Structure formats: C-alpha cells, structure tokens
C-alpha cells in the first residue's frame, strides 16, 4: 500500500510517499512559496496538483495536523465531522491548523475516494496525567475554554522513543526515556513505558525551552509590563515573544545554533550567553524529568541541533548523571515524523 504523507504549511507542502508495510521511501519533495507574491502556485490545491504530478498510485494519505485539543487522542479517518473539529481548533493554533486544513481540503478534492488520515502532534501527549497538564489558574478556564498544557512534536517524540527501544533491544513498556527534540523549535518529553507523562511545550509551542526565536518559560506578568513599556498591543507582543526572542533575541545575531557556536568560539559574549542559557534550560528540564520518571534508561537527542551538534550535546550531558548510580544511555536518533505518520495511517486504513 502506498501512503502519501502531507505536511502542509502556510506557504509550503512537504511530502513523502512510502510503500507500506515495507516502509520503503518511494518519493519525497517540497512545494514552496505557495500564495506568495510572484509565485505561480496560488493556493494549496495548485500545490497539491503539482505533488500528484510527481507521485503515482496513492492508496491513502496521512496528514500532519498540529493541534487536536482533547478531542483527538489518536489518528482518525478524515470525514466531515473531523474537518469541522480541526476548523474549530484553528482558534487555538492559528499559525498551523488552517494550513493543515488547506492540505486536507485540497486532497479531498483531487483524490476523491482515497482514504485520508489525520495524525495530530498533540495526540501523543494526551496520556499526561492531569497533575502535569492543568495550570495553576481558575479551573473553570480549563472546563470552559480548554486552557491546559497540550504539548507538541508528539509524532517526533513517539518515533524516537520506539526507535530507542529497538536500538536497546528492550520492550518500550519496560523503559523510562527522556526525548529531546532540539531544532529551531525545541521540546522535551518524559516517556514512561511508551506513554508521554510530561512535556515542556504547553497550551502553545511558546512554553518551555529557549528556542530559536521563542522565549520559552517567562514570568507571565512580563507580557503586560513589556506592552506598557514598549507601548505595543497584543499582536506586537505575541510577535516579540514568538519571533524576536529566544536565541535570536538574546544573541542579537541569529537563531541558528551553528552560527552562535562559531561566534562563541570567536569570543562573542552574547552568543556565548545565548548558548549557555539554551543548554542550562535543557539541563533543568532533563533533571526534572529524571525525578518525575524516578530514573531514566536512555536520553535521546533528535532534530537539527540534537542530531548534528555534538558540542551542544556534550555540554548538556556533562555532569548531569553524576548523582545517579547508573548513567542512562545517550542516543542520537534522526527523527522521521513522516514515516511515523505513514505507519499510523497504514495501521488505521488496513483495519
């Protein structure tokens, strides 16, 4: 069975075609600059039409959908009621869900009769206990508006956790794992016997670690204070926290850790500070999750920084296990979210 995996962004469509269950990658690529000035590809329908001209024999489609709130705890076959719920979730994920939905609607039109599956970034973290996902706010805000920690990068965390179990030669149900997805966006998850029991990202991807351009954890009272001092509104404050902060904001140079490492070696103090803060925050979360898990069998690094920057990994792990009787294995596992989506789509469609 050939599964086409679609990751639809606001101005792009990334795709991979897998033959399942062999997990053979048949084709991959990306259509970019959708809807941008000067682009010949005006919308996602046109983009998907171009994708379909490059692939053949699609038996099912797996879609990445960023936010499923509490409604979706596992992959689902896409039907009108599912589309309606994804559209509702656009209010909580305005940067991602509308683009994901555009890809779904384009596939529905261009591939009539072909089964489509939605795989949600948030689903893996729905196994968190309430003590991990409820905020210290009036409980009615959770009941009325669904305000809680959701977590993201779930497909990546789940994939590398299962790969770690395979590499260690042990059943995942016997392992305590900490998975670190470190790229421009960063998150860490505590995975107990295959289930996510806590994660660093929250209601939105802004919570948690210092990231490329996101601030991560801050005192919430700072938002109003900054707005007052800078004389800006909510929209400008949101942009500052999501796009002008993190490594970019601290260093004043770049959100690219490769650039910051090079500048640090040249003695740039703010590049060094940004790198130190990045590493410190990760070590804090790892330490916390070792405590939450009551131990750790393996610490896993994945994504751009996690996979490729050995110096950062060494600084993160230096001395972090000195208090443990037995240090966990440290694994570097390339993530493959598209393959995970293909596996889940195949399992659902074949049944």
Protein backbone atom coordinates (compact mmCIF):
# COMPACT_ATOMS: atom_id res chain seq x y z
CA UNK A 1 0.00 0.00 0.00
CA UNK A 2 1.36 3.42 -0.98
CA UNK A 3 0.85 6.09 1.68
CA UNK A 4 1.35 9.75 0.72
CA UNK A 5 2.29 11.84 3.75
CA UNK A 6 1.45 15.53 3.55
CA UNK A 7 2.85 18.21 5.87
CA UNK A 8 1.05 21.34 4.76
CA UNK A 9 2.40 24.69 5.96
CA UNK A 10 1.13 28.21 5.38
CA UNK A 11 3.18 28.59 2.18
CA UNK A 12 4.54 25.10 1.56
CA UNK A 13 3.70 21.43 1.15
CA UNK A 14 6.28 18.84 2.18
CA UNK A 15 5.55 15.31 1.08
CA UNK A 16 6.86 11.76 1.22
CA UNK A 17 5.48 8.65 -0.47
CA UNK A 18 6.02 5.35 1.39
CA UNK A 19 5.28 1.78 0.39
CA UNK A 20 3.85 0.10 3.47
CA UNK A 21 4.39 -2.07 5.40
CA UNK A 22 7.89 -2.24 3.91
CA UNK A 23 8.47 1.39 4.97
CA UNK A 24 10.20 1.98 1.64
CA UNK A 25 10.53 5.65 0.70
CA UNK A 26 9.45 5.98 -2.94
CA UNK A 27 9.45 9.74 -3.38
CA UNK A 28 9.81 12.96 -1.44
CA UNK A 29 9.95 16.68 -2.03
CA UNK A 30 8.51 20.08 -1.23
CA UNK A 31 6.42 22.72 -2.96
CA UNK A 32 7.30 26.16 -1.61
CA UNK A 33 6.25 29.83 -1.88
CA UNK A 34 2.54 28.93 -2.17
CA UNK A 35 0.44 32.07 -2.42
CA UNK A 36 3.47 34.36 -2.21
CA UNK A 37 3.95 37.35 -4.48
CA UNK A 38 5.32 36.32 -7.86
CA UNK A 39 4.65 32.60 -7.30
CA UNK A 40 2.84 30.62 -9.98
CA UNK A 41 1.34 28.40 -7.28
CA UNK A 42 -1.54 30.46 -5.95
CA UNK A 43 -3.02 28.04 -3.40
CA UNK A 44 -2.65 24.61 -1.80
CA UNK A 45 -4.85 22.99 -4.43
CA UNK A 46 -2.39 24.02 -7.13
CA UNK A 47 0.49 22.91 -4.93
CA UNK A 48 -1.02 19.51 -4.32
CA UNK A 49 -1.76 19.11 -8.01
CA UNK A 50 1.95 19.58 -8.63
CA UNK A 51 2.75 16.99 -5.94
CA UNK A 52 0.40 14.48 -7.56
CA UNK A 53 2.13 15.00 -10.91
CA UNK A 54 5.32 13.70 -9.26
CA UNK A 55 3.85 10.65 -7.47
CA UNK A 56 1.80 7.72 -8.68
CA UNK A 57 -0.59 5.18 -7.20
CA UNK A 58 -1.67 6.78 -3.93
CA UNK A 59 -3.74 4.37 -1.83
CA UNK A 60 -4.14 6.59 1.24
CA UNK A 61 -2.99 9.98 2.55
CA UNK A 62 -1.63 10.76 6.00
CA UNK A 63 -1.84 14.41 7.09
CA UNK A 64 0.12 16.10 9.84
CA UNK A 65 -2.27 18.20 11.93
CA UNK A 66 -0.64 20.26 14.66
CA UNK A 67 -3.47 20.68 17.16
CA UNK A 68 -6.22 18.24 18.05
CA UNK A 69 -7.02 19.64 21.51
CA UNK A 70 -8.56 16.94 23.76
CA UNK A 71 -10.83 15.63 21.03
CA UNK A 72 -8.21 13.56 19.23
CA UNK A 73 -6.02 11.18 21.21
CA UNK A 74 -5.11 9.00 18.22
CA UNK A 75 -5.12 9.14 14.40
CA UNK A 76 -8.54 9.29 12.77
CA UNK A 77 -10.01 8.78 9.34
CA UNK A 78 -10.94 12.19 7.98
CA UNK A 79 -14.63 12.82 7.48
CA UNK A 80 -16.78 15.94 7.63
CA UNK A 81 -17.11 15.86 11.43
CA UNK A 82 -13.31 15.65 11.81
CA UNK A 83 -12.82 18.56 9.41
CA UNK A 84 -15.30 20.56 11.47
CA UNK A 85 -13.31 19.93 14.68
CA UNK A 86 -9.96 20.75 13.02
CA UNK A 87 -11.50 24.00 11.81
CA UNK A 88 -12.64 24.80 15.37
CA UNK A 89 -9.08 24.21 16.60
CA UNK A 90 -7.80 26.91 14.23
CA UNK A 91 -8.64 29.39 17.01
CA UNK A 92 -6.08 27.75 19.31
CA UNK A 93 -3.48 27.06 16.57
CA UNK A 94 -3.92 29.92 14.05
CA UNK A 95 -0.45 29.52 12.52
CA UNK A 96 -0.71 25.81 11.78
CA UNK A 97 -4.18 24.27 11.68
CA UNK A 98 -5.52 26.46 8.82
CA UNK A 99 -2.58 25.38 6.65
CA UNK A 100 -3.03 21.72 7.65
CA UNK A 101 -6.71 22.02 6.79
CA UNK A 102 -5.93 23.58 3.40
CA UNK A 103 -3.91 20.46 2.52
CA UNK A 104 -6.74 18.19 3.66
CA UNK A 105 -9.34 20.05 1.57
CA UNK A 106 -7.07 20.00 -1.50
CA UNK A 107 -6.58 16.22 -1.17
CA UNK A 108 -10.29 15.68 -0.66
CA UNK A 109 -10.99 17.41 -3.97
CA UNK A 110 -8.10 15.99 -6.02
CA UNK A 111 -8.11 12.45 -4.63
CA UNK A 112 -11.83 11.60 -4.34
CA UNK A 113 -12.43 8.21 -2.76
CA UNK A 114 -8.90 7.92 -1.37
CA UNK A 115 -8.90 7.48 2.39
CA UNK A 116 -7.27 10.25 4.37
CA UNK A 117 -5.94 10.07 7.92
CA UNK A 118 -5.22 12.93 10.34
CA UNK A 119 -2.26 12.40 12.70
CA UNK A 120 -2.08 15.02 15.46
CA UNK A 121 1.09 16.49 17.00
CA UNK A 122 -0.74 16.78 20.32
CA UNK A 123 -2.12 13.22 20.44
CA UNK A 124 0.95 11.51 21.91
CA UNK A 125 0.87 13.83 24.92
CA UNK A 126 -2.78 13.13 25.72
CA UNK A 127 -1.58 10.38 28.05
CA UNK A 128 -0.25 13.01 30.50
CA UNK A 129 -1.91 12.88 33.94
CA UNK A 130 -3.96 15.90 34.97
CA UNK A 131 -1.32 16.97 37.50
CA UNK A 132 1.02 17.55 34.54
CA UNK A 133 -1.34 19.38 32.21
CA UNK A 134 -3.54 21.52 34.46
CA UNK A 135 -2.27 25.08 35.01
CA UNK A 136 -2.47 26.96 38.31
CA UNK A 137 -5.41 29.00 37.02
CA UNK A 138 -9.11 29.00 37.90
CA UNK A 139 -10.30 25.51 36.96
CA UNK A 140 -13.26 26.93 35.05
CA UNK A 141 -10.84 28.22 32.40
CA UNK A 142 -9.97 24.61 31.64
CA UNK A 143 -13.60 23.50 31.69
CA UNK A 144 -14.91 26.37 29.53
CA UNK A 145 -12.02 27.10 27.19
CA UNK A 146 -9.77 24.03 27.27
CA UNK A 147 -6.85 26.03 28.68
CA UNK A 148 -4.24 23.41 29.63
CA UNK A 149 -0.85 22.05 28.58
CA UNK A 150 -1.12 20.14 25.28
CA UNK A 151 2.46 19.66 24.13
CA UNK A 152 3.73 19.39 20.57
CA UNK A 153 6.28 17.48 18.43
CA UNK A 154 4.38 14.40 19.61
CA UNK A 155 4.97 12.41 16.43
CA UNK A 156 8.72 13.01 16.69
CA UNK A 157 8.87 12.11 20.39
CA UNK A 158 6.89 8.92 19.78
CA UNK A 159 9.02 7.89 16.81
CA UNK A 160 12.40 8.29 18.53
CA UNK A 161 11.10 6.60 21.70
CA UNK A 162 10.18 3.49 19.71
CA UNK A 163 13.46 3.63 17.81
CA UNK A 164 15.33 3.82 21.13
CA UNK A 165 13.55 0.69 22.35
CA UNK A 166 14.51 -1.10 19.13
CA UNK A 167 18.17 0.00 19.44
CA UNK A 168 18.32 -1.04 23.11
CA UNK A 169 16.69 -4.37 22.32
CA UNK A 170 14.09 -3.91 25.04
CA UNK A 171 10.27 -3.61 25.03
CA UNK A 172 9.24 0.04 25.21
CA UNK A 173 6.85 -0.88 28.03
CA UNK A 174 9.87 -1.56 30.22
CA UNK A 175 11.74 1.70 29.53
CA UNK A 176 11.88 5.17 31.04
CA UNK A 177 13.01 7.63 28.37
CA UNK A 178 13.68 11.35 28.01
CA UNK A 179 13.37 12.56 24.42
CA UNK A 180 14.88 15.90 23.38
CA UNK A 181 13.63 17.37 20.09
CA UNK A 182 16.07 20.24 19.57
CA UNK A 183 15.75 22.33 16.42
CA UNK A 184 14.54 25.85 15.78
CA UNK A 185 11.57 24.72 17.85
CA UNK A 186 12.53 22.67 20.92
CA UNK A 187 10.70 20.39 23.31
CA UNK A 188 11.49 17.63 25.79
CA UNK A 189 9.23 14.76 26.83
CA UNK A 190 9.26 12.30 29.71
CA UNK A 191 8.18 8.94 28.27
CA UNK A 192 7.26 6.24 30.78
CA UNK A 193 6.76 2.79 29.24
CA UNK A 194 5.79 4.26 25.88
CA UNK A 195 3.47 6.95 27.27
CA UNK A 196 4.17 10.67 27.48
CA UNK A 197 3.73 11.74 31.10
CA UNK A 198 5.05 15.31 30.75
CA UNK A 199 6.45 17.63 28.10
CA UNK A 200 7.95 21.10 28.01
CA UNK A 201 5.68 22.82 25.48
CA UNK A 202 2.28 23.90 26.74
CA UNK A 203 -1.00 25.41 25.55
CA UNK A 204 1.04 26.69 22.60
CA UNK A 205 4.58 25.87 21.41
CA UNK A 206 5.83 29.00 23.22
CA UNK A 207 6.18 27.40 26.66
CA UNK A 208 9.27 25.53 27.81
CA UNK A 209 12.81 25.70 26.46
CA UNK A 210 14.55 28.73 24.99
CA UNK A 211 14.24 28.16 21.22
CA UNK A 212 15.43 29.75 18.00
CA UNK A 213 13.07 32.72 18.20
CA UNK A 214 10.69 31.74 21.04
CA UNK A 215 11.29 32.87 24.61
CA UNK A 216 10.15 29.72 26.40
CA UNK A 217 9.26 29.96 30.10
CA UNK A 218 8.93 33.52 31.43
CA UNK A 219 7.05 35.27 34.20
CA UNK A 220 3.57 35.84 32.65
CA UNK A 221 3.37 39.27 34.30
CA UNK A 222 6.18 40.34 31.99
CA UNK A 223 3.84 40.40 28.99
CA UNK A 224 1.77 43.29 30.32
CA UNK A 225 4.88 45.04 31.62
CA UNK A 226 6.59 44.85 28.21
CA UNK A 227 3.44 46.02 26.44
CA UNK A 228 3.28 49.04 28.73
CA UNK A 229 6.96 49.91 28.43
CA UNK A 230 7.14 49.49 24.65
CA UNK A 231 3.65 50.92 24.03
CA UNK A 232 2.62 47.94 21.94
CA UNK A 233 -0.56 45.87 21.62
CA UNK A 234 -1.22 42.15 22.00
CA UNK A 235 -0.39 41.33 18.39
CA UNK A 236 3.01 43.04 18.60
CA UNK A 237 3.73 41.40 21.98
CA UNK A 238 2.87 37.98 20.58
CA UNK A 239 5.23 38.58 17.65
CA UNK A 240 8.01 39.68 20.01
CA UNK A 241 7.70 36.53 22.14
CA UNK A 242 7.45 34.13 19.19
CA UNK A 243 9.70 35.70 16.54
CA UNK A 244 12.14 38.13 18.16
CA UNK A 245 13.11 36.27 21.34
CA UNK A 246 15.00 33.07 22.15
CA UNK A 247 18.50 32.60 20.75
CA UNK A 248 17.91 35.39 18.23
CA UNK A 249 16.77 37.88 20.84
CA UNK A 250 19.45 37.09 23.42
CA UNK A 251 22.38 37.00 20.99
CA UNK A 252 21.25 39.81 18.70
CA UNK A 253 22.90 37.76 15.95
CA UNK A 254 20.98 34.69 14.81
CA UNK A 255 18.55 31.93 15.74
CA UNK A 256 20.92 29.39 14.14
CA UNK A 257 22.92 27.49 16.76
CA UNK A 258 25.66 26.75 14.22
CA UNK A 259 26.25 30.48 13.79
CA UNK A 260 26.18 31.05 17.56
CA UNK A 261 28.69 28.27 18.21
CA UNK A 262 31.05 29.79 15.64
CA UNK A 263 30.63 33.27 17.16
CA UNK A 264 31.16 31.85 20.65
CA UNK A 265 34.50 30.39 19.58
CA UNK A 266 35.45 33.87 18.38
CA UNK A 267 34.66 35.25 21.85
CA UNK A 268 31.30 36.93 21.20
CA UNK A 269 29.85 37.29 24.70
CA UNK A 270 26.18 37.46 23.75
CA UNK A 271 26.49 34.42 21.51
CA UNK A 272 28.09 32.62 24.45
CA UNK A 273 25.32 33.79 26.77
CA UNK A 274 22.56 32.63 24.40
CA UNK A 275 24.22 29.21 24.09
CA UNK A 276 24.70 28.90 27.85
CA UNK A 277 21.06 29.78 28.55
CA UNK A 278 19.89 27.29 25.91
CA UNK A 279 21.94 24.47 27.49
CA UNK A 280 21.06 25.44 31.08
CA UNK A 281 17.31 25.35 30.42
CA UNK A 282 17.59 21.91 28.78
CA UNK A 283 19.59 20.54 31.73
CA UNK A 284 16.92 21.82 34.14
CA UNK A 285 14.17 20.00 32.27
CA UNK A 286 16.17 16.78 31.99
CA UNK A 287 16.87 16.88 35.73
CA UNK A 288 13.19 17.46 36.47
CA UNK A 289 12.11 14.59 34.21
CA UNK A 290 14.61 12.17 35.76
CA UNK A 291 12.87 12.95 39.04
CA UNK A 292 9.37 12.61 37.56
CA UNK A 293 10.28 9.26 35.98
CA UNK A 294 12.17 8.07 39.09
CA UNK A 295 15.11 7.22 36.86
CA UNK A 296 16.00 7.10 33.19
CA UNK A 297 17.14 4.30 30.87
CA UNK A 298 18.04 6.50 27.91
CA UNK A 299 18.35 10.16 26.96
CA UNK A 300 17.58 10.72 23.29
CA UNK A 301 18.58 13.64 21.10
CA UNK A 302 16.89 14.35 17.78
CA UNK A 303 16.13 17.13 15.21
CA UNK A 304 18.59 19.65 13.74
CA UNK A 305 20.59 20.65 16.83
CA UNK A 306 20.08 17.37 18.66
CA UNK A 307 21.29 15.25 15.77
CA UNK A 308 24.08 17.37 14.34
CA UNK A 309 25.76 19.47 17.04
CA UNK A 310 27.87 17.16 19.15
CA UNK A 311 29.40 20.03 21.13
CA UNK A 312 25.98 21.12 22.40
CA UNK A 313 25.07 17.54 23.33
CA UNK A 314 28.31 17.13 25.31
CA UNK A 315 27.70 20.37 27.22
CA UNK A 316 24.14 19.27 28.04
CA UNK A 317 25.17 15.86 29.33
CA UNK A 318 28.33 16.95 31.19
CA UNK A 319 27.87 16.07 34.86
CA UNK A 320 24.11 15.63 34.54
CA UNK A 321 24.10 11.98 35.61
CA UNK A 322 26.73 12.23 38.36
CA UNK A 323 24.10 11.71 41.10
CA UNK A 324 22.75 8.51 39.52
CA UNK A 325 24.03 5.02 40.34
CA UNK A 326 23.83 4.08 36.68
CA UNK A 327 24.01 6.66 33.89
CA UNK A 328 21.41 6.24 31.16
CA UNK A 329 22.40 5.55 27.57
CA UNK A 330 22.74 8.68 25.44
CA UNK A 331 21.36 8.09 21.94
CA UNK A 332 21.25 10.25 18.83
CA UNK A 333 18.31 9.21 16.66
CA UNK A 334 17.31 11.02 13.46
CA UNK A 335 13.62 11.74 13.64
CA UNK A 336 11.24 10.74 10.84
CA UNK A 337 7.84 12.21 11.60
CA UNK A 338 6.63 11.45 8.07
CA UNK A 339 7.40 7.75 8.49
CA UNK A 340 5.57 7.75 11.83
CA UNK A 341 2.55 9.32 10.13
CA UNK A 342 2.74 6.70 7.36
CA UNK A 343 2.88 3.87 9.93
CA UNK A 344 -0.14 5.22 11.78
CA UNK A 345 -2.11 5.88 8.58
CA UNK A 346 -1.37 2.38 7.29
CA UNK A 347 -2.40 0.74 10.56
CA UNK A 348 -5.69 2.62 10.58
CA UNK A 349 -6.55 2.15 6.89
CA UNK A 350 -5.70 -1.58 6.72
CA UNK A 351 -8.11 -2.21 9.59
